[in-house]
Amino acid sequence: MAKLLIPIERITLLLSTMLADMENAPQRYKPTRFWAGCVPHILDDIAKHGVTSFRSHQSGLNYYVPSYAQTNYMAAREEYDRELDRLAEANLELAELWRRQITGAAEAEMDYHIFVAAETDKPPELLGVSQSDFGAPSEFFQFHGKVFGAAFLRYLKCLVFLKKHTPSHRIRRVLEIGGGYGVLGEILLKSPSRPYFYVNVDIPPVAYVATEYLRGVFGKEAVADYLVTRDLETIDPVALQQQGYRAVVLCPWQLERLQGPFELFVNSASFQEMEPEVVANYASHVTRLVNGYLLLKNSRHGKQLAEHEGAIGVEKPTTHAHYLDFFSEFELVARDVATFGLAHGGFASEVLVFKRGKG
């Protein structure tokens, strides 16, 4: 892993314990090439600015806090806003059209309408959920009195697609690998349909951020952190739920001690950032733990190759064919790119739904 930009002792006990344990973890659970160079920048921002503003950290926006806005706008927002204000004095309609495109407002509104149009009365109930402002977001959109960020809306689209193709009333416990800052957990735990239990597995420091985010939304007592589960011989979601927890955030090397079953597994845009052999290992755990459905959203052709040492990218892409191979005990029942996924140019992020068993 790349050298940290800040000393570990300047970070909280929870995060420093995660980082220290990661040094001794098996290689298959450590950050992949794509993430190894990102971790120091995230840690540096946390140390300088604190976790309560992570959704406006530059490292957050670069690596794990999605946004709808164009990259060049996010990098020079004040300059663009001044130009838009000047354009509005001459042509208000053109300025508003340009503003909606570069800020991502047009895409966010389109995603919101897709979500609303596709929503059903099957659980989880989603129309009433709205995103928290914890983390000081630099971007958010309001529709019908509710607040949404990019990750939140994109998860909502994936969930309504899942509901179209599965008996979602069977889902109670949900496992996610690479869940970022915990948005899926926020959505499920805010749904009034039933008491869902959510497990997010991610590398530090993102696992730390997810813990703080979910605690910021639901309270410290609702989320079991790494210090709670670190020394457990087995990690049993039923036992944790009986203790009053609604969610738990784990580090990857704890997967071997996690018990199932789970009715749903989710991975959104993180398997694509790993090499196939890493995904194969995670898939073996998913196969062991999940007796219901898989919801995957990743690039059909995989992430770009790293062109040189230190460049962002993967050594070998994980593609659509790999998912069919690694999850061979599950049957693919639905896929989509254009509506519930994302397609532009030669890029295709597809949503896949699998169910346990063949035939």
Protein backbone atom coordinates (compact mmCIF):
# COMPACT_ATOMS: atom_id res chain seq x y z
CA MET A 1 0.00 0.00 0.00
CA ALA A 2 1.16 3.53 -0.70
CA LYS A 3 2.80 5.40 2.17
CA LEU A 4 0.34 7.26 4.37
CA LEU A 5 0.45 11.04 4.12
CA ILE A 6 -0.29 11.41 7.84
CA PRO A 7 0.77 9.49 10.95
CA ILE A 8 -1.73 6.88 12.17
CA GLU A 9 -1.75 8.32 15.70
CA ARG A 10 -3.57 11.39 14.38
CA ILE A 11 -6.56 9.20 13.50
CA THR A 12 -9.23 7.84 15.86
CA LEU A 13 -8.86 4.55 17.73
CA LEU A 14 -11.49 2.86 15.55
CA LEU A 15 -9.76 3.76 12.30
CA SER A 16 -6.21 3.20 13.54
CA THR A 17 -7.20 -0.29 14.77
CA MET A 18 -8.67 -1.12 11.37
CA LEU A 19 -5.53 0.09 9.61
CA ALA A 20 -3.17 -1.78 11.91
CA ASP A 21 -5.12 -5.03 11.47
CA MET A 22 -5.20 -4.57 7.71
CA GLU A 23 -1.40 -4.64 7.63
CA ASN A 24 -1.51 -8.22 8.96
CA ALA A 25 -4.53 -9.38 6.93
CA PRO A 26 -4.19 -11.85 4.03
CA GLN A 27 -3.37 -10.12 0.75
CA ARG A 28 -6.72 -11.12 -0.77
CA TYR A 29 -8.47 -8.78 1.70
CA LYS A 30 -6.20 -5.76 1.28
CA PRO A 31 -6.83 -2.82 -1.08
CA THR A 32 -6.42 -3.77 -4.72
CA ARG A 33 -4.22 -1.80 -7.08
CA PHE A 34 -7.07 0.58 -7.90
CA TRP A 35 -7.55 1.50 -4.23
CA ALA A 36 -4.00 1.30 -2.89
CA GLY A 37 -3.19 4.77 -4.16
CA CYS A 38 -6.50 6.26 -3.03
CA VAL A 39 -6.30 5.32 0.65
CA PRO A 40 -3.60 7.83 1.71
CA HIS A 41 -5.53 10.75 0.21
CA ILE A 42 -8.73 9.75 2.01
CA LEU A 43 -6.85 9.42 5.30
CA ASP A 44 -5.21 12.78 4.80
CA ASP A 45 -8.57 14.50 4.30
CA ILE A 46 -10.05 12.77 7.36
CA ALA A 47 -7.10 13.89 9.48
CA LYS A 48 -7.23 17.47 8.22
CA HIS A 49 -10.97 18.07 8.03
CA GLY A 50 -12.68 15.36 10.10
CA VAL A 51 -15.18 12.73 9.03
CA THR A 52 -18.22 15.00 9.50
CA SER A 53 -17.43 16.76 6.20
CA PHE A 54 -16.37 13.73 4.16
CA ARG A 55 -18.99 14.28 1.43
CA SER A 56 -17.22 17.49 0.45
CA HIS A 57 -13.64 16.17 0.77
CA GLN A 58 -11.83 16.18 -2.55
CA SER A 59 -10.77 12.56 -1.96
CA GLY A 60 -14.38 11.62 -1.23
CA LEU A 61 -15.61 13.17 -4.46
CA ASN A 62 -12.76 11.54 -6.38
CA TYR A 63 -13.14 8.01 -5.03
CA TYR A 64 -16.26 7.04 -3.08
CA VAL A 65 -18.86 9.85 -3.01
CA PRO A 66 -20.52 9.81 -6.45
CA SER A 67 -21.85 13.02 -7.94
CA TYR A 68 -23.92 13.95 -10.96
CA ALA A 69 -21.97 17.12 -11.72
CA GLN A 70 -19.38 17.17 -14.47
CA THR A 71 -15.82 16.81 -13.19
CA ASN A 72 -14.67 20.17 -14.56
CA TYR A 73 -17.56 21.92 -12.81
CA MET A 74 -16.75 20.32 -9.46
CA ALA A 75 -13.12 21.38 -9.82
CA ALA A 76 -13.92 25.05 -10.51
CA ARG A 77 -17.47 25.56 -9.27
CA GLU A 78 -17.20 29.26 -8.34
CA GLU A 79 -15.72 30.15 -11.72
CA TYR A 80 -18.45 28.30 -13.60
CA ASP A 81 -21.18 29.83 -11.44
CA ARG A 82 -19.90 33.32 -12.21
CA GLU A 83 -19.93 32.56 -15.94
CA LEU A 84 -23.45 31.15 -15.68
CA ASP A 85 -24.63 34.27 -13.84
CA ARG A 86 -23.17 36.46 -16.59
CA LEU A 87 -24.78 34.32 -19.28
CA ALA A 88 -28.13 34.53 -17.47
CA GLU A 89 -28.10 38.33 -17.84
CA ALA A 90 -28.02 37.89 -21.60
CA ASN A 91 -29.96 34.64 -22.06
CA LEU A 92 -31.66 33.21 -18.99
CA GLU A 93 -33.06 30.14 -20.76
CA LEU A 94 -29.69 29.10 -22.21
CA ALA A 95 -27.95 29.68 -18.87
CA GLU A 96 -30.47 27.49 -17.06
CA LEU A 97 -30.13 24.73 -19.68
CA TRP A 98 -26.33 24.80 -19.35
CA ARG A 99 -26.53 24.91 -15.56
CA ARG A 100 -28.78 21.84 -15.42
CA GLN A 101 -26.37 19.89 -17.60
CA ILE A 102 -23.05 20.69 -15.96
CA THR A 103 -24.40 20.49 -12.38
CA GLY A 104 -26.05 17.14 -13.10
CA ALA A 105 -29.51 18.43 -12.17
CA ALA A 106 -31.01 17.14 -15.42
CA GLU A 107 -29.63 13.63 -14.91
CA ALA A 108 -30.67 13.59 -11.25
CA GLU A 109 -34.22 14.56 -12.15
CA MET A 110 -34.37 11.87 -14.84
CA ASP A 111 -33.19 9.23 -12.36
CA TYR A 112 -35.75 10.39 -9.82
CA HIS A 113 -38.59 10.06 -12.32
CA ILE A 114 -37.41 6.59 -13.39
CA PHE A 115 -37.39 5.54 -9.74
CA VAL A 116 -40.88 6.92 -9.06
CA ALA A 117 -42.34 5.43 -12.23
CA ALA A 118 -40.90 1.98 -11.50
CA GLU A 119 -41.67 1.86 -7.76
CA THR A 120 -44.20 -0.73 -6.64
CA ASP A 121 -46.03 -1.47 -3.40
CA LYS A 122 -43.72 -4.42 -2.70
CA PRO A 123 -41.28 -4.06 0.21
CA PRO A 124 -39.05 -2.28 0.86
CA GLU A 125 -41.21 0.84 0.68
CA LEU A 126 -39.03 3.53 -0.88
CA LEU A 127 -41.15 6.54 -1.82
CA GLY A 128 -40.93 8.05 1.65
CA VAL A 129 -37.16 7.87 2.12
CA SER A 130 -34.89 10.91 1.96
CA GLN A 131 -31.13 11.22 2.42
CA SER A 132 -29.43 12.64 5.49
CA ASP A 133 -27.19 15.69 5.25
CA PHE A 134 -24.56 14.09 7.50
CA GLY A 135 -21.13 14.48 5.93
CA ALA A 136 -21.72 18.03 4.63
CA PRO A 137 -22.63 17.12 1.03
CA SER A 138 -21.32 19.40 -1.69
CA GLU A 139 -24.15 18.24 -3.96
CA PHE A 140 -27.79 17.39 -3.30
CA PHE A 141 -31.10 17.65 -5.13
CA GLN A 142 -34.63 18.16 -3.87
CA PHE A 143 -37.73 16.58 -5.40
CA HIS A 144 -41.16 16.80 -3.80
CA GLY A 145 -39.71 17.92 -0.49
CA LYS A 146 -37.16 15.08 -0.25
CA VAL A 147 -33.38 15.28 -0.54
CA PHE A 148 -31.22 13.01 -2.68
CA GLY A 149 -27.57 12.55 -3.54
CA ALA A 150 -26.21 10.66 -6.54
CA ALA A 151 -25.48 7.40 -4.70
CA PHE A 152 -28.89 7.47 -3.02
CA LEU A 153 -30.83 7.87 -6.27
CA ARG A 154 -28.78 5.26 -8.08
CA TYR A 155 -29.39 2.72 -5.31
CA LEU A 156 -33.11 3.52 -5.43
CA LYS A 157 -33.14 2.73 -9.16
CA CYS A 158 -31.36 -0.58 -8.56
CA LEU A 159 -33.75 -1.52 -5.77
CA VAL A 160 -36.90 -0.90 -7.81
CA PHE A 161 -35.37 -3.02 -10.58
CA LEU A 162 -34.76 -5.77 -8.02
CA LYS A 163 -38.36 -5.53 -6.84
CA LYS A 164 -39.65 -5.96 -10.40
CA HIS A 165 -37.90 -9.32 -10.70
CA THR A 166 -37.92 -10.92 -7.23
CA PRO A 167 -40.32 -11.67 -4.38
CA SER A 168 -38.68 -8.93 -2.32
CA HIS A 169 -41.00 -9.52 0.66
CA ARG A 170 -38.69 -12.45 1.54
CA ILE A 171 -35.72 -10.15 2.14
CA ARG A 172 -34.77 -9.37 5.74
CA ARG A 173 -30.98 -9.51 6.03
CA VAL A 174 -28.82 -7.79 3.42
CA LEU A 175 -25.08 -8.19 2.84
CA GLU A 176 -23.09 -5.69 0.80
CA ILE A 177 -19.42 -5.81 -0.13
CA GLY A 178 -17.86 -2.50 -1.12
CA GLY A 179 -20.82 -0.49 0.14
CA GLY A 180 -18.99 2.84 0.24
CA TYR A 181 -20.28 5.14 2.94
CA GLY A 182 -23.35 3.03 3.67
CA VAL A 183 -26.11 4.55 1.53
CA LEU A 184 -27.86 1.23 0.90
CA GLY A 185 -28.06 0.69 4.65
CA GLU A 186 -29.55 4.13 5.11
CA ILE A 187 -32.26 3.42 2.55
CA LEU A 188 -33.20 0.02 3.98
CA LEU A 189 -33.18 1.14 7.60
CA LYS A 190 -35.35 4.15 6.74
CA SER A 191 -37.91 2.01 4.90
CA PRO A 192 -40.97 1.41 7.11
CA SER A 193 -41.63 -1.98 5.52
CA ARG A 194 -39.85 -4.11 8.14
CA PRO A 195 -36.80 -4.21 10.46
CA TYR A 196 -34.04 -4.93 7.94
CA PHE A 197 -30.53 -5.84 9.11
CA TYR A 198 -27.66 -4.51 7.01
CA VAL A 199 -24.04 -5.69 6.84
CA ASN A 200 -21.50 -3.57 4.96
CA VAL A 201 -18.04 -5.02 4.27
CA ASP A 202 -15.39 -2.59 3.04
CA ILE A 203 -11.73 -1.72 3.38
CA PRO A 204 -10.60 0.97 5.77
CA PRO A 205 -10.77 3.93 5.74
CA VAL A 206 -14.08 3.65 3.84
CA ALA A 207 -15.39 1.16 6.43
CA TYR A 208 -14.67 3.77 9.11
CA VAL A 209 -16.51 6.47 7.14
CA ALA A 210 -19.51 4.16 6.65
CA THR A 211 -19.61 3.45 10.38
CA GLU A 212 -19.60 7.14 11.23
CA TYR A 213 -22.19 7.92 8.55
CA LEU A 214 -24.68 5.28 9.66
CA ARG A 215 -24.17 6.27 13.29
CA GLY A 216 -24.67 9.89 12.34
CA VAL A 217 -28.00 9.00 10.74
CA PHE A 218 -29.35 6.36 13.17
CA GLY A 219 -27.37 6.83 16.39
CA LYS A 220 -24.30 5.13 17.83
CA GLU A 221 -26.32 2.37 19.46
CA ALA A 222 -27.75 1.23 16.11
CA VAL A 223 -24.46 0.31 14.42
CA ALA A 224 -21.95 -2.30 15.58
CA ASP A 225 -18.45 -1.11 14.71
CA TYR A 226 -15.18 -2.95 14.14
CA LEU A 227 -14.22 -2.75 17.81
CA VAL A 228 -17.44 -4.61 18.72
CA THR A 229 -16.85 -7.48 16.28
CA ARG A 230 -13.04 -7.60 16.07
CA ASP A 231 -12.51 -10.39 18.59
CA LEU A 232 -15.68 -12.40 18.01
CA GLU A 233 -15.04 -16.02 16.98
CA THR A 234 -18.20 -15.90 14.87
CA ILE A 235 -20.08 -12.86 13.67
CA ASP A 236 -23.77 -13.70 13.87
CA PRO A 237 -26.20 -11.09 12.49
CA VAL A 238 -29.08 -12.64 14.46
CA ALA A 239 -27.18 -12.25 17.74
CA LEU A 240 -26.22 -8.66 16.88
CA GLN A 241 -29.83 -7.84 16.02
CA GLN A 242 -30.96 -9.32 19.33
CA GLN A 243 -28.52 -6.95 21.05
CA GLY A 244 -30.34 -4.02 19.45
CA TYR A 245 -28.07 -3.33 16.49
CA ARG A 246 -29.63 -2.57 13.11
CA ALA A 247 -26.42 -2.67 11.08
CA VAL A 248 -22.79 -3.71 11.31
CA VAL A 249 -19.75 -2.54 9.36
CA LEU A 250 -17.01 -5.14 8.90
CA CYS A 251 -13.58 -5.24 7.31
CA PRO A 252 -12.96 -7.78 4.53
CA TRP A 253 -10.82 -10.21 6.55
CA GLN A 254 -13.80 -10.69 8.92
CA LEU A 255 -15.87 -12.32 6.17
CA GLU A 256 -14.47 -15.72 7.08
CA ARG A 257 -16.14 -15.45 10.50
CA LEU A 258 -19.48 -14.08 9.24
CA GLN A 259 -22.53 -16.34 9.49
CA GLY A 260 -25.59 -16.37 7.24
CA PRO A 261 -27.98 -16.79 5.79
CA PHE A 262 -28.72 -13.56 3.94
CA GLU A 263 -31.65 -13.15 1.57
CA LEU A 264 -29.89 -10.50 -0.54
CA PHE A 265 -26.34 -9.64 -1.55
CA VAL A 266 -25.50 -6.32 -3.23
CA ASN A 267 -22.42 -5.00 -4.98
CA SER A 268 -22.49 -1.65 -6.75
CA ALA A 269 -19.51 -0.35 -8.70
CA SER A 270 -16.79 -1.94 -6.56
CA PHE A 271 -16.23 -5.41 -8.02
CA GLN A 272 -15.27 -3.56 -11.20
CA GLU A 273 -12.39 -1.98 -9.25
CA MET A 274 -10.91 -5.37 -8.30
CA GLU A 275 -8.99 -8.02 -10.18
CA PRO A 276 -10.88 -11.24 -11.04
CA GLU A 277 -9.08 -13.40 -8.46
CA VAL A 278 -10.08 -10.97 -5.69
CA VAL A 279 -13.71 -11.00 -6.81
CA ALA A 280 -13.63 -14.80 -7.02
CA ASN A 281 -12.66 -14.99 -3.35
CA TYR A 282 -15.46 -12.64 -2.32
CA ALA A 283 -17.90 -14.56 -4.52
CA SER A 284 -17.04 -17.78 -2.68
CA HIS A 285 -18.11 -16.14 0.60
CA VAL A 286 -21.28 -14.77 -1.00
CA THR A 287 -22.14 -18.25 -2.28
CA ARG A 288 -21.66 -19.62 1.23
CA LEU A 289 -23.73 -16.92 2.94
CA VAL A 290 -26.59 -16.04 0.58
CA ASN A 291 -29.65 -18.22 -0.01
CA GLY A 292 -31.72 -15.72 -1.97
CA TYR A 293 -30.79 -13.06 -4.50
CA LEU A 294 -27.86 -11.07 -5.88
CA LEU A 295 -28.04 -7.48 -7.10
CA LEU A 296 -24.92 -6.38 -9.00
CA LYS A 297 -24.22 -3.10 -10.76
CA ASN A 298 -20.84 -2.89 -12.45
CA SER A 299 -19.16 -2.05 -15.73
CA ARG A 300 -19.93 -4.77 -18.25
CA HIS A 301 -16.38 -4.62 -19.63
CA GLY A 302 -14.55 -3.84 -16.39
CA LYS A 303 -12.47 -0.89 -15.23
CA GLN A 304 -9.69 0.65 -17.30
CA LEU A 305 -6.23 -0.90 -17.14
CA ALA A 306 -3.52 0.92 -15.19
CA GLU A 307 -1.23 2.24 -17.92
CA HIS A 308 1.84 2.56 -15.70
CA GLU A 309 3.02 2.21 -12.10
CA GLY A 310 1.03 4.58 -9.89
CA ALA A 311 -1.75 5.10 -12.46
CA ILE A 312 -5.39 4.61 -11.47
CA GLY A 313 -6.77 1.40 -12.92
CA VAL A 314 -6.74 -2.39 -12.59
CA GLU A 315 -4.20 -5.00 -13.60
CA LYS A 316 -6.90 -7.12 -15.25
CA PRO A 317 -10.56 -6.17 -15.68
CA THR A 318 -13.45 -8.09 -14.11
CA THR A 319 -16.17 -8.42 -16.73
CA HIS A 320 -19.73 -9.69 -17.20
CA ALA A 321 -18.41 -13.17 -18.02
CA HIS A 322 -16.61 -13.35 -14.68
CA TYR A 323 -19.84 -12.74 -12.74
CA LEU A 324 -21.59 -15.57 -14.57
CA ASP A 325 -18.65 -17.85 -13.76
CA PHE A 326 -18.08 -16.83 -10.13
CA PHE A 327 -21.78 -16.99 -9.26
CA SER A 328 -22.48 -20.24 -11.09
CA GLU A 329 -24.79 -21.48 -8.33
CA PHE A 330 -27.11 -18.56 -9.07
CA GLU A 331 -29.31 -18.03 -12.12
CA LEU A 332 -29.31 -14.69 -13.96
CA VAL A 333 -32.95 -13.58 -14.12
CA ALA A 334 -32.75 -9.95 -15.27
CA ARG A 335 -30.29 -7.40 -16.64
CA ASP A 336 -30.50 -3.78 -17.78
CA VAL A 337 -28.17 -1.04 -18.94
CA ALA A 338 -30.09 1.80 -20.59
CA THR A 339 -32.75 2.54 -17.93
CA PHE A 340 -31.64 1.27 -14.53
CA GLY A 341 -27.92 1.10 -15.31
CA LEU A 342 -25.85 3.69 -17.13
CA ALA A 343 -24.71 3.91 -20.73
CA HIS A 344 -22.78 6.64 -22.48
CA GLY A 345 -20.23 6.42 -25.25
CA GLY A 346 -18.60 3.02 -25.01
CA PHE A 347 -19.29 2.68 -21.27
CA ALA A 348 -22.00 0.33 -20.01
CA SER A 349 -22.78 -0.14 -16.33
CA GLU A 350 -25.27 -2.98 -16.15
CA VAL A 351 -27.62 -4.05 -13.38
CA LEU A 352 -27.84 -7.81 -12.89
CA VAL A 353 -30.28 -9.77 -10.74
CA PHE A 354 -29.56 -13.41 -9.84
CA LYS A 355 -31.52 -15.94 -7.79
CA ARG A 356 -30.16 -18.94 -5.94
CA GLY A 357 -30.41 -22.22 -7.86
CA LYS A 358 -30.58 -23.17 -11.50
CA GLY A 359 -33.62 -23.82 -13.63
